[in-house]
mmCIF file of all heavy atoms, coordinates in Angstrom:
data_MODEL
# 
_entry.id   MODEL 
# 
loop_
_atom_site.group_PDB 
_atom_site.id 
_atom_site.type_symbol 
_atom_site.label_atom_id 
_atom_site.label_alt_id 
_atom_site.label_comp_id 
_atom_site.label_asym_id 
_atom_site.label_entity_id 
_atom_site.label_seq_id 
_atom_site.pdbx_PDB_ins_code 
_atom_site.Cartn_x 
_atom_site.Cartn_y 
_atom_site.Cartn_z 
_atom_site.occupancy 
_atom_site.B_iso_or_equiv 
_atom_site.pdbx_formal_charge 
_atom_site.auth_seq_id 
_atom_site.auth_comp_id 
_atom_site.auth_asym_id 
_atom_site.auth_atom_id 
_atom_site.pdbx_PDB_model_num 
ATOM 1   N N   . GLY A 1 1  ? -14.399 -2.122 2.495   1.00 0.00 ? 1  GLY A N   1 
ATOM 2   C CA  . GLY A 1 1  ? -13.577 -2.877 1.558   1.00 0.00 ? 1  GLY A CA  1 
ATOM 3   C C   . GLY A 1 1  ? -14.004 -4.305 1.299   1.00 0.00 ? 1  GLY A C   1 
ATOM 4   O O   . GLY A 1 1  ? -13.414 -4.989 0.452   1.00 0.00 ? 1  GLY A O   1 
ATOM 5   N N   . GLN A 1 2  ? -15.019 -4.785 2.001   1.00 0.00 ? 2  GLN A N   1 
ATOM 6   C CA  . GLN A 1 2  ? -15.440 -6.170 1.805   1.00 0.00 ? 2  GLN A CA  1 
ATOM 7   C C   . GLN A 1 2  ? -15.931 -6.382 0.376   1.00 0.00 ? 2  GLN A C   1 
ATOM 8   O O   . GLN A 1 2  ? -16.749 -5.628 -0.148  1.00 0.00 ? 2  GLN A O   1 
ATOM 9   C CB  . GLN A 1 2  ? -16.551 -6.529 2.793   1.00 0.00 ? 2  GLN A CB  1 
ATOM 10  C CG  . GLN A 1 2  ? -16.923 -8.011 2.761   1.00 0.00 ? 2  GLN A CG  1 
ATOM 11  C CD  . GLN A 1 2  ? -17.907 -8.366 3.864   1.00 0.00 ? 2  GLN A CD  1 
ATOM 12  O OE1 . GLN A 1 2  ? -18.359 -7.502 4.591   1.00 0.00 ? 2  GLN A OE1 1 
ATOM 13  N NE2 . GLN A 1 2  ? -18.232 -9.641 3.975   1.00 0.00 ? 2  GLN A NE2 1 
ATOM 14  N N   . GLY A 1 3  ? -15.408 -7.414 -0.270  1.00 0.00 ? 3  GLY A N   1 
ATOM 15  C CA  . GLY A 1 3  ? -15.788 -7.712 -1.642  1.00 0.00 ? 3  GLY A CA  1 
ATOM 16  C C   . GLY A 1 3  ? -15.114 -6.826 -2.654  1.00 0.00 ? 3  GLY A C   1 
ATOM 17  O O   . GLY A 1 3  ? -15.495 -6.814 -3.832  1.00 0.00 ? 3  GLY A O   1 
ATOM 18  N N   . MET A 1 4  ? -14.106 -6.066 -2.237  1.00 0.00 ? 4  MET A N   1 
ATOM 19  C CA  . MET A 1 4  ? -13.431 -5.128 -3.124  1.00 0.00 ? 4  MET A CA  1 
ATOM 20  C C   . MET A 1 4  ? -11.926 -5.229 -2.947  1.00 0.00 ? 4  MET A C   1 
ATOM 21  O O   . MET A 1 4  ? -11.419 -5.297 -1.830  1.00 0.00 ? 4  MET A O   1 
ATOM 22  C CB  . MET A 1 4  ? -13.893 -3.697 -2.818  1.00 0.00 ? 4  MET A CB  1 
ATOM 23  C CG  . MET A 1 4  ? -13.195 -2.618 -3.625  1.00 0.00 ? 4  MET A CG  1 
ATOM 24  S SD  . MET A 1 4  ? -13.824 -0.949 -3.217  1.00 0.00 ? 4  MET A SD  1 
ATOM 25  C CE  . MET A 1 4  ? -13.132 -0.729 -1.565  1.00 0.00 ? 4  MET A CE  1 
ATOM 26  N N   . THR A 1 5  ? -11.217 -5.246 -4.064  1.00 0.00 ? 5  THR A N   1 
ATOM 27  C CA  . THR A 1 5  ? -9.757  -5.199 -4.042  1.00 0.00 ? 5  THR A CA  1 
ATOM 28  C C   . THR A 1 5  ? -9.306  -3.825 -4.489  1.00 0.00 ? 5  THR A C   1 
ATOM 29  O O   . THR A 1 5  ? -9.773  -3.315 -5.508  1.00 0.00 ? 5  THR A O   1 
ATOM 30  C CB  . THR A 1 5  ? -9.152  -6.253 -4.995  1.00 0.00 ? 5  THR A CB  1 
ATOM 31  O OG1 . THR A 1 5  ? -9.545  -7.566 -4.561  1.00 0.00 ? 5  THR A OG1 1 
ATOM 32  C CG2 . THR A 1 5  ? -7.628  -6.160 -5.020  1.00 0.00 ? 5  THR A CG2 1 
ATOM 33  N N   . ILE A 1 6  ? -8.423  -3.220 -3.708  1.00 0.00 ? 6  ILE A N   1 
ATOM 34  C CA  . ILE A 1 6  ? -7.837  -1.937 -4.085  1.00 0.00 ? 6  ILE A CA  1 
ATOM 35  C C   . ILE A 1 6  ? -6.416  -2.190 -4.562  1.00 0.00 ? 6  ILE A C   1 
ATOM 36  O O   . ILE A 1 6  ? -5.602  -2.755 -3.829  1.00 0.00 ? 6  ILE A O   1 
ATOM 37  C CB  . ILE A 1 6  ? -7.828  -0.951 -2.910  1.00 0.00 ? 6  ILE A CB  1 
ATOM 38  C CG1 . ILE A 1 6  ? -9.255  -0.670 -2.434  1.00 0.00 ? 6  ILE A CG1 1 
ATOM 39  C CG2 . ILE A 1 6  ? -7.135  0.363  -3.324  1.00 0.00 ? 6  ILE A CG2 1 
ATOM 40  C CD1 . ILE A 1 6  ? -9.327  0.212  -1.197  1.00 0.00 ? 6  ILE A CD1 1 
ATOM 41  N N   . ALA A 1 7  ? -6.127  -1.807 -5.796  1.00 0.00 ? 7  ALA A N   1 
ATOM 42  C CA  . ALA A 1 7  ? -4.784  -1.964 -6.353  1.00 0.00 ? 7  ALA A CA  1 
ATOM 43  C C   . ALA A 1 7  ? -4.089  -0.614 -6.347  1.00 0.00 ? 7  ALA A C   1 
ATOM 44  O O   . ALA A 1 7  ? -4.615  0.372  -6.870  1.00 0.00 ? 7  ALA A O   1 
ATOM 45  C CB  . ALA A 1 7  ? -4.854  -2.520 -7.768  1.00 0.00 ? 7  ALA A CB  1 
ATOM 46  N N   . LEU A 1 8  ? -2.913  -0.557 -5.739  1.00 0.00 ? 8  LEU A N   1 
ATOM 47  C CA  . LEU A 1 8  ? -2.131  0.671  -5.649  1.00 0.00 ? 8  LEU A CA  1 
ATOM 48  C C   . LEU A 1 8  ? -1.102  0.696  -6.767  1.00 0.00 ? 8  LEU A C   1 
ATOM 49  O O   . LEU A 1 8  ? -0.299  -0.231 -6.907  1.00 0.00 ? 8  LEU A O   1 
ATOM 50  C CB  . LEU A 1 8  ? -1.417  0.743  -4.298  1.00 0.00 ? 8  LEU A CB  1 
ATOM 51  C CG  . LEU A 1 8  ? -2.315  0.662  -3.060  1.00 0.00 ? 8  LEU A CG  1 
ATOM 52  C CD1 . LEU A 1 8  ? -1.461  0.516  -1.802  1.00 0.00 ? 8  LEU A CD1 1 
ATOM 53  C CD2 . LEU A 1 8  ? -3.196  1.896  -2.956  1.00 0.00 ? 8  LEU A CD2 1 
ATOM 54  N N   . LEU A 1 9  ? -1.119  1.767  -7.568  1.00 0.00 ? 9  LEU A N   1 
ATOM 55  C CA  . LEU A 1 9  ? -0.184  1.888  -8.682  1.00 0.00 ? 9  LEU A CA  1 
ATOM 56  C C   . LEU A 1 9  ? 0.814   3.001  -8.413  1.00 0.00 ? 9  LEU A C   1 
ATOM 57  O O   . LEU A 1 9  ? 0.429   4.132  -8.094  1.00 0.00 ? 9  LEU A O   1 
ATOM 58  C CB  . LEU A 1 9  ? -0.924  2.184  -9.989  1.00 0.00 ? 9  LEU A CB  1 
ATOM 59  C CG  . LEU A 1 9  ? -1.796  1.061  -10.558 1.00 0.00 ? 9  LEU A CG  1 
ATOM 60  C CD1 . LEU A 1 9  ? -3.192  1.108  -9.969  1.00 0.00 ? 9  LEU A CD1 1 
ATOM 61  C CD2 . LEU A 1 9  ? -1.874  1.142  -12.072 1.00 0.00 ? 9  LEU A CD2 1 
ATOM 62  N N   . GLY A 1 10 ? 2.108   2.677  -8.555  1.00 0.00 ? 10 GLY A N   1 
ATOM 63  C CA  . GLY A 1 10 ? 3.159   3.658  -8.331  1.00 0.00 ? 10 GLY A CA  1 
ATOM 64  C C   . GLY A 1 10 ? 4.490   2.948  -8.191  1.00 0.00 ? 10 GLY A C   1 
ATOM 65  O O   . GLY A 1 10 ? 4.554   1.714  -8.238  1.00 0.00 ? 10 GLY A O   1 
ATOM 66  N N   . PRO A 1 11 ? 5.584   3.695  -8.022  1.00 0.00 ? 11 PRO A N   1 
ATOM 67  C CA  . PRO A 1 11 ? 6.893   3.074  -7.809  1.00 0.00 ? 11 PRO A CA  1 
ATOM 68  C C   . PRO A 1 11 ? 6.862   2.198  -6.554  1.00 0.00 ? 11 PRO A C   1 
ATOM 69  O O   . PRO A 1 11 ? 6.638   2.716  -5.447  1.00 0.00 ? 11 PRO A O   1 
ATOM 70  C CB  . PRO A 1 11 ? 7.837   4.269  -7.641  1.00 0.00 ? 11 PRO A CB  1 
ATOM 71  C CG  . PRO A 1 11 ? 7.119   5.406  -8.301  1.00 0.00 ? 11 PRO A CG  1 
ATOM 72  C CD  . PRO A 1 11 ? 5.663   5.164  -8.039  1.00 0.00 ? 11 PRO A CD  1 
ATOM 73  N N   . ALA A 1 12 ? 7.056   0.917  -6.702  1.00 0.00 ? 12 ALA A N   1 
ATOM 74  C CA  . ALA A 1 12 ? 6.848   -0.029 -5.603  1.00 0.00 ? 12 ALA A CA  1 
ATOM 75  C C   . ALA A 1 12 ? 7.665   0.303  -4.360  1.00 0.00 ? 12 ALA A C   1 
ATOM 76  O O   . ALA A 1 12 ? 7.140   0.298  -3.237  1.00 0.00 ? 12 ALA A O   1 
ATOM 77  C CB  . ALA A 1 12 ? 7.164   -1.445 -6.088  1.00 0.00 ? 12 ALA A CB  1 
ATOM 78  N N   . GLU A 1 13 ? 8.938   0.594  -4.536  1.00 0.00 ? 13 GLU A N   1 
ATOM 79  C CA  . GLU A 1 13 ? 9.789   0.860  -3.378  1.00 0.00 ? 13 GLU A CA  1 
ATOM 80  C C   . GLU A 1 13 ? 9.363   2.143  -2.668  1.00 0.00 ? 13 GLU A C   1 
ATOM 81  O O   . GLU A 1 13 ? 9.410   2.221  -1.434  1.00 0.00 ? 13 GLU A O   1 
ATOM 82  C CB  . GLU A 1 13 ? 11.261  0.940  -3.800  1.00 0.00 ? 13 GLU A CB  1 
ATOM 83  C CG  . GLU A 1 13 ? 11.830  -0.392 -4.281  1.00 0.00 ? 13 GLU A CG  1 
ATOM 84  C CD  . GLU A 1 13 ? 11.623  -1.516 -3.255  1.00 0.00 ? 13 GLU A CD  1 
ATOM 85  O OE1 . GLU A 1 13 ? 11.875  -1.269 -2.050  1.00 0.00 ? 13 GLU A OE1 1 
ATOM 86  O OE2 . GLU A 1 13 ? 11.193  -2.610 -3.656  1.00 0.00 ? 13 GLU A OE2 1 
ATOM 87  N N   . THR A 1 14 ? 8.962   3.144  -3.427  1.00 0.00 ? 14 THR A N   1 
ATOM 88  C CA  . THR A 1 14 ? 8.483   4.395  -2.834  1.00 0.00 ? 14 THR A CA  1 
ATOM 89  C C   . THR A 1 14 ? 7.243   4.150  -1.992  1.00 0.00 ? 14 THR A C   1 
ATOM 90  O O   . THR A 1 14 ? 7.115   4.670  -0.873  1.00 0.00 ? 14 THR A O   1 
ATOM 91  C CB  . THR A 1 14 ? 8.157   5.425  -3.940  1.00 0.00 ? 14 THR A CB  1 
ATOM 92  O OG1 . THR A 1 14 ? 9.340   5.703  -4.690  1.00 0.00 ? 14 THR A OG1 1 
ATOM 93  C CG2 . THR A 1 14 ? 7.623   6.720  -3.342  1.00 0.00 ? 14 THR A CG2 1 
ATOM 94  N N   . LEU A 1 15 ? 6.326   3.338  -2.515  1.00 0.00 ? 15 LEU A N   1 
ATOM 95  C CA  . LEU A 1 15 ? 5.087   3.053  -1.790  1.00 0.00 ? 15 LEU A CA  1 
ATOM 96  C C   . LEU A 1 15 ? 5.357   2.212  -0.547  1.00 0.00 ? 15 LEU A C   1 
ATOM 97  O O   . LEU A 1 15 ? 4.762   2.443  0.517   1.00 0.00 ? 15 LEU A O   1 
ATOM 98  C CB  . LEU A 1 15 ? 4.091   2.341  -2.704  1.00 0.00 ? 15 LEU A CB  1 
ATOM 99  C CG  . LEU A 1 15 ? 3.643   3.123  -3.954  1.00 0.00 ? 15 LEU A CG  1 
ATOM 100 C CD1 . LEU A 1 15 ? 2.570   2.353  -4.708  1.00 0.00 ? 15 LEU A CD1 1 
ATOM 101 C CD2 . LEU A 1 15 ? 3.125   4.502  -3.574  1.00 0.00 ? 15 LEU A CD2 1 
ATOM 102 N N   . LYS A 1 16 ? 6.254   1.248  -0.657  1.00 0.00 ? 16 LYS A N   1 
ATOM 103 C CA  . LYS A 1 16 ? 6.593   0.400  0.500   1.00 0.00 ? 16 LYS A CA  1 
ATOM 104 C C   . LYS A 1 16 ? 7.226   1.231  1.609   1.00 0.00 ? 16 LYS A C   1 
ATOM 105 O O   . LYS A 1 16 ? 6.908   1.061  2.792   1.00 0.00 ? 16 LYS A O   1 
ATOM 106 C CB  . LYS A 1 16 ? 7.532   -0.711 0.069   1.00 0.00 ? 16 LYS A CB  1 
ATOM 107 C CG  . LYS A 1 16 ? 6.885   -1.789 -0.798  1.00 0.00 ? 16 LYS A CG  1 
ATOM 108 C CD  . LYS A 1 16 ? 7.909   -2.822 -1.247  1.00 0.00 ? 16 LYS A CD  1 
ATOM 109 C CE  . LYS A 1 16 ? 7.277   -3.868 -2.152  1.00 0.00 ? 16 LYS A CE  1 
ATOM 110 N NZ  . LYS A 1 16 ? 8.280   -4.868 -2.638  1.00 0.00 ? 16 LYS A NZ  1 
ATOM 111 N N   . LYS A 1 17 ? 8.122   2.136  1.230   1.00 0.00 ? 17 LYS A N   1 
ATOM 112 C CA  . LYS A 1 17 ? 8.791   2.988  2.214   1.00 0.00 ? 17 LYS A CA  1 
ATOM 113 C C   . LYS A 1 17 ? 7.789   3.902  2.902   1.00 0.00 ? 17 LYS A C   1 
ATOM 114 O O   . LYS A 1 17 ? 7.801   4.046  4.133   1.00 0.00 ? 17 LYS A O   1 
ATOM 115 C CB  . LYS A 1 17 ? 9.881   3.814  1.533   1.00 0.00 ? 17 LYS A CB  1 
ATOM 116 C CG  . LYS A 1 17 ? 10.643  4.720  2.486   1.00 0.00 ? 17 LYS A CG  1 
ATOM 117 C CD  . LYS A 1 17 ? 11.713  5.517  1.745   1.00 0.00 ? 17 LYS A CD  1 
ATOM 118 C CE  . LYS A 1 17 ? 12.444  6.465  2.695   1.00 0.00 ? 17 LYS A CE  1 
ATOM 119 N NZ  . LYS A 1 17 ? 13.464  7.274  1.994   1.00 0.00 ? 17 LYS A NZ  1 
ATOM 120 N N   . ALA A 1 18 ? 6.909   4.526  2.116   1.00 0.00 ? 18 ALA A N   1 
ATOM 121 C CA  . ALA A 1 18 ? 5.907   5.427  2.688   1.00 0.00 ? 18 ALA A CA  1 
ATOM 122 C C   . ALA A 1 18 ? 4.952   4.670  3.610   1.00 0.00 ? 18 ALA A C   1 
ATOM 123 O O   . ALA A 1 18 ? 4.591   5.156  4.689   1.00 0.00 ? 18 ALA A O   1 
ATOM 124 C CB  . ALA A 1 18 ? 5.132   6.116  1.571   1.00 0.00 ? 18 ALA A CB  1 
ATOM 125 N N   . ALA A 1 19 ? 4.540   3.480  3.187   1.00 0.00 ? 19 ALA A N   1 
ATOM 126 C CA  . ALA A 1 19 ? 3.630   2.673  3.998   1.00 0.00 ? 19 ALA A CA  1 
ATOM 127 C C   . ALA A 1 19 ? 4.271   2.288  5.325   1.00 0.00 ? 19 ALA A C   1 
ATOM 128 O O   . ALA A 1 19 ? 3.625   2.311  6.384   1.00 0.00 ? 19 ALA A O   1 
ATOM 129 C CB  . ALA A 1 19 ? 3.208   1.431  3.229   1.00 0.00 ? 19 ALA A CB  1 
ATOM 130 N N   . ALA A 1 20 ? 5.559   1.944  5.285   1.00 0.00 ? 20 ALA A N   1 
ATOM 131 C CA  . ALA A 1 20 ? 6.272   1.570  6.510   1.00 0.00 ? 20 ALA A CA  1 
ATOM 132 C C   . ALA A 1 20 ? 6.339   2.753  7.472   1.00 0.00 ? 20 ALA A C   1 
ATOM 133 O O   . ALA A 1 20 ? 6.136   2.603  8.684   1.00 0.00 ? 20 ALA A O   1 
ATOM 134 C CB  . ALA A 1 20 ? 7.673   1.085  6.164   1.00 0.00 ? 20 ALA A CB  1 
ATOM 135 N N   . GLU A 1 21 ? 6.615   3.943  6.950   1.00 0.00 ? 21 GLU A N   1 
ATOM 136 C CA  . GLU A 1 21 ? 6.698   5.143  7.794   1.00 0.00 ? 21 GLU A CA  1 
ATOM 137 C C   . GLU A 1 21 ? 5.340   5.496  8.398   1.00 0.00 ? 21 GLU A C   1 
ATOM 138 O O   . GLU A 1 21 ? 5.269   6.061  9.492   1.00 0.00 ? 21 GLU A O   1 
ATOM 139 C CB  . GLU A 1 21 ? 7.216   6.320  6.964   1.00 0.00 ? 21 GLU A CB  1 
ATOM 140 C CG  . GLU A 1 21 ? 8.672   6.162  6.528   1.00 0.00 ? 21 GLU A CG  1 
ATOM 141 C CD  . GLU A 1 21 ? 9.122   7.264  5.584   1.00 0.00 ? 21 GLU A CD  1 
ATOM 142 O OE1 . GLU A 1 21 ? 8.261   8.051  5.137   1.00 0.00 ? 21 GLU A OE1 1 
ATOM 143 O OE2 . GLU A 1 21 ? 10.333  7.331  5.298   1.00 0.00 ? 21 GLU A OE2 1 
ATOM 144 N N   . LEU A 1 22 ? 4.266   5.147  7.701   1.00 0.00 ? 22 LEU A N   1 
ATOM 145 C CA  . LEU A 1 22 ? 2.911   5.443  8.176   1.00 0.00 ? 22 LEU A CA  1 
ATOM 146 C C   . LEU A 1 22 ? 2.299   4.284  8.959   1.00 0.00 ? 22 LEU A C   1 
ATOM 147 O O   . LEU A 1 22 ? 1.152   4.367  9.396   1.00 0.00 ? 22 LEU A O   1 
ATOM 148 C CB  . LEU A 1 22 ? 2.006   5.779  6.985   1.00 0.00 ? 22 LEU A CB  1 
ATOM 149 C CG  . LEU A 1 22 ? 2.359   7.042  6.198   1.00 0.00 ? 22 LEU A CG  1 
ATOM 150 C CD1 . LEU A 1 22 ? 1.588   7.088  4.880   1.00 0.00 ? 22 LEU A CD1 1 
ATOM 151 C CD2 . LEU A 1 22 ? 2.065   8.284  7.022   1.00 0.00 ? 22 LEU A CD2 1 
ATOM 152 N N   . SER A 1 23 ? 3.059   3.194  9.084   1.00 0.00 ? 23 SER A N   1 
ATOM 153 C CA  . SER A 1 23 ? 2.576   1.968  9.759   1.00 0.00 ? 23 SER A CA  1 
ATOM 154 C C   . SER A 1 23 ? 1.320   1.417  9.090   1.00 0.00 ? 23 SER A C   1 
ATOM 155 O O   . SER A 1 23 ? 0.373   0.975  9.752   1.00 0.00 ? 23 SER A O   1 
ATOM 156 C CB  . SER A 1 23 ? 2.305   2.240  11.250  1.00 0.00 ? 23 SER A CB  1 
ATOM 157 O OG  . SER A 1 23 ? 3.484   2.661  11.898  1.00 0.00 ? 23 SER A OG  1 
ATOM 158 N N   . ILE A 1 24 ? 1.322   1.438  7.766   1.00 0.00 ? 24 ILE A N   1 
ATOM 159 C CA  . ILE A 1 24 ? 0.208   0.895  6.988   1.00 0.00 ? 24 ILE A CA  1 
ATOM 160 C C   . ILE A 1 24 ? 0.593   -0.463 6.438   1.00 0.00 ? 24 ILE A C   1 
ATOM 161 O O   . ILE A 1 24 ? 1.636   -0.610 5.790   1.00 0.00 ? 24 ILE A O   1 
ATOM 162 C CB  . ILE A 1 24 ? -0.174  1.840  5.827   1.00 0.00 ? 24 ILE A CB  1 
ATOM 163 C CG1 . ILE A 1 24 ? -0.760  3.141  6.377   1.00 0.00 ? 24 ILE A CG1 1 
ATOM 164 C CG2 . ILE A 1 24 ? -1.177  1.170  4.874   1.00 0.00 ? 24 ILE A CG2 1 
ATOM 165 C CD1 . ILE A 1 24 ? -1.064  4.182  5.322   1.00 0.00 ? 24 ILE A CD1 1 
ATOM 166 N N   . ASP A 1 25 ? -0.235  -1.455 6.706   1.00 0.00 ? 25 ASP A N   1 
ATOM 167 C CA  . ASP A 1 25 ? 0.010   -2.810 6.218   1.00 0.00 ? 25 ASP A CA  1 
ATOM 168 C C   . ASP A 1 25 ? -0.453  -2.902 4.766   1.00 0.00 ? 25 ASP A C   1 
ATOM 169 O O   . ASP A 1 25 ? -1.631  -2.676 4.467   1.00 0.00 ? 25 ASP A O   1 
ATOM 170 C CB  . ASP A 1 25 ? -0.753  -3.814 7.085   1.00 0.00 ? 25 ASP A CB  1 
ATOM 171 C CG  . ASP A 1 25 ? -0.513  -5.261 6.659   1.00 0.00 ? 25 ASP A CG  1 
ATOM 172 O OD1 . ASP A 1 25 ? 0.385   -5.497 5.810   1.00 0.00 ? 25 ASP A OD1 1 
ATOM 173 O OD2 . ASP A 1 25 ? -1.222  -6.144 7.172   1.00 0.00 ? 25 ASP A OD2 1 
ATOM 174 N N   . LEU A 1 26 ? 0.447   -3.234 3.861   1.00 0.00 ? 26 LEU A N   1 
ATOM 175 C CA  . LEU A 1 26 ? 0.095   -3.321 2.436   1.00 0.00 ? 26 LEU A CA  1 
ATOM 176 C C   . LEU A 1 26 ? -0.460  -4.687 2.045   1.00 0.00 ? 26 LEU A C   1 
ATOM 177 O O   . LEU A 1 26 ? -0.843  -4.875 0.880   1.00 0.00 ? 26 LEU A O   1 
ATOM 178 C CB  . LEU A 1 26 ? 1.333   -3.008 1.579   1.00 0.00 ? 26 LEU A CB  1 
ATOM 179 C CG  . LEU A 1 26 ? 1.833   -1.556 1.602   1.00 0.00 ? 26 LEU A CG  1 
ATOM 180 C CD1 . LEU A 1 26 ? 3.069   -1.418 0.722   1.00 0.00 ? 26 LEU A CD1 1 
ATOM 181 C CD2 . LEU A 1 26 ? 0.745   -0.600 1.142   1.00 0.00 ? 26 LEU A CD2 1 
ATOM 182 N N   . ALA A 1 27 ? -0.549  -5.604 2.986   1.00 0.00 ? 27 ALA A N   1 
ATOM 183 C CA  . ALA A 1 27 ? -1.021  -6.961 2.677   1.00 0.00 ? 27 ALA A CA  1 
ATOM 184 C C   . ALA A 1 27 ? -2.410  -6.987 2.032   1.00 0.00 ? 27 ALA A C   1 
ATOM 185 O O   . ALA A 1 27 ? -2.646  -7.781 1.117   1.00 0.00 ? 27 ALA A O   1 
ATOM 186 C CB  . ALA A 1 27 ? -1.002  -7.822 3.937   1.00 0.00 ? 27 ALA A CB  1 
# 
């Protein structure tokens, strides 16, 4: 990922909830 930005597209709250359940940092 160095030098690259990944943009996630989707319903924000759905993605935040899923990320929290998977322990994925969205920062």
